[in-house]
Amino acid sequence: MSASPTPEEARVTSTTGTTEPVASRRDVRTVIVSSLVGTTVEWYDFFLYSTAAGLVFNKLFFPVADPATGSLLAFATFAVGFVARPLGGILFGHIGDRVGRKRTLVATMIIMGLSTFCIGLLPTYDQVGLLAPALLVALRVLQGIAIGGEWGGAVLMAVEYAPPNRRGLYGSWPQVGLAIGLALGTGLFGILGAVLDDANFAAYGWRIGFFASIALVAVGLVVRLKVYETPAFRRLRDLEGRARMPFMEMLRDRRGRRNTGLGLLSRWAEGVAFNAWAVFSISYTTETLHLAKSTILVAVTAAAVLLGVALPFSGHLADRFGARRMFAIGSIVLAVLVVPAFAGLGTGRTWLVALVLLVGLGLAYPLMYGPQAILYASLFPTRVRYTGMSFVYQFSGVYASGLTPLILTALLAGAHGSPWTACAYVVVAAVVSAVATLAIRKRDLFLT
């Protein structure tokens, strides 16, 4: 990949006579709804697992005498999904850059829905022994592969349909799917935990959320099949400008390597922030502090709703002030917030724990997650964009997201419950992310 203009940029600056595909307002609305519904379904499925990992999987699939060890094992399988995500990102990114965004997204939704439904059918360790966690890990891998291909495509459907001055806003709408998916998953588990006692919740209640995935997938497919391919990809296809090997082409170019490396580093804080507030906090407050799980799930659900409201606003700020600047500010806010936040969690006071989650997940986290879509889409030209941004987002997810609950749990256990080593880890991640984000040069971006 050279630094010369891609077919997309060449069309804008030259007189090739190529007809520009024009999207109607109806097309754009359909794309936004499709991206939002699609990411909602995918994130509901993916993070339903994380909620179950902190509440029941440690007992049903990894029954050990020490609860902390059970939680570590459950979070290890949670991390497996993130390890599989780069594979899905490269695989489906290649297909998306070669065949198209729409077909790829239909495939990822079907894989995610079926694997999630099958988790609800799994026998427990007491019923089949080691086969139970083995099957759980296998299905988690399929979830990871599916979500690895979903995020980049859903974001591109929105960004590549957006007018230049509203790409941040449009790109933030698929991000709202994470908030809605998290709210649906934790909200449903919160309701089930409130109406069922612990024995019935462990026996069958948790499975209801996984079975519900099929209905959500059916709705998502109906909407997604109505979407046309993006104008940017249609231009690329008509000009025969598609990359033969997108991943290798991305890495051959100096600018591509630099953007990829800085993108990977920048993602650290965002992954740590989300998984600290939305995943680790559930296990920490219910298992270590012994707060009622239904109360904590309601607090996380409320924070997720606030997150969904805040994300389009942060996308708008990215259009106004720049995605790099907003993302870096979000990283710095995380570094400043983490010590008082962990102190608040450690008090065990329900109202203060809820406040920490509302501020951390609902208000501070959107500063990074809202601008992220347009920031990472801007790192790559159209011909390798699906592959490039999927690789950055999904590979960084291994250490930034998947390992975070495991690392924080281990740091707390090693410090005998003291949160300060865990806080130090979060601060380091935040500082590295801020520096890397600001190091991305504006002249190296393909969408400005």
Foldseek 3Di string as FASTA:
>chain_A
DEPDDALLVCVVVDPPVDDFDADDPVQLVLLLVLLLLLLLLLLLLLCLLLLCLLQACLCFAPNDPDSLVSSLVSLLLNLLLLVLLLVLLQVLLLCCLVPHLLVSSLVLLVQSLVLLLVLLVAHTCVVPNNVRVVSSSVSSSSSSSSVLQSLLSSLCSQQLNDDQLQSLLSSLSSVLSNLNSLLVSLVQLLVLPVVDPPVVCNVRVSSVSSNCSVVSSVVSSVSSVVHDTGSQSVSCVVVVRADPNLVVVLCVYPLSVLLLVLLLLLCQLLQLLCCVLRRLLLNCLCVVVVDRSSLSSVLLSVLSVLQSVCLSVLSNVCSVPNLLVLQLVLLVVQLVLLPVLVVQSVVSDSVSVSVSSNCRRNPSSSSNSSSVSVSLLFQDDSNNSSSRSSNSNSVSCSNRHSCNSSVQSVVCVVVVNDRVVVSVVSNVSSVSSSVSSVPNDPVNTNRD
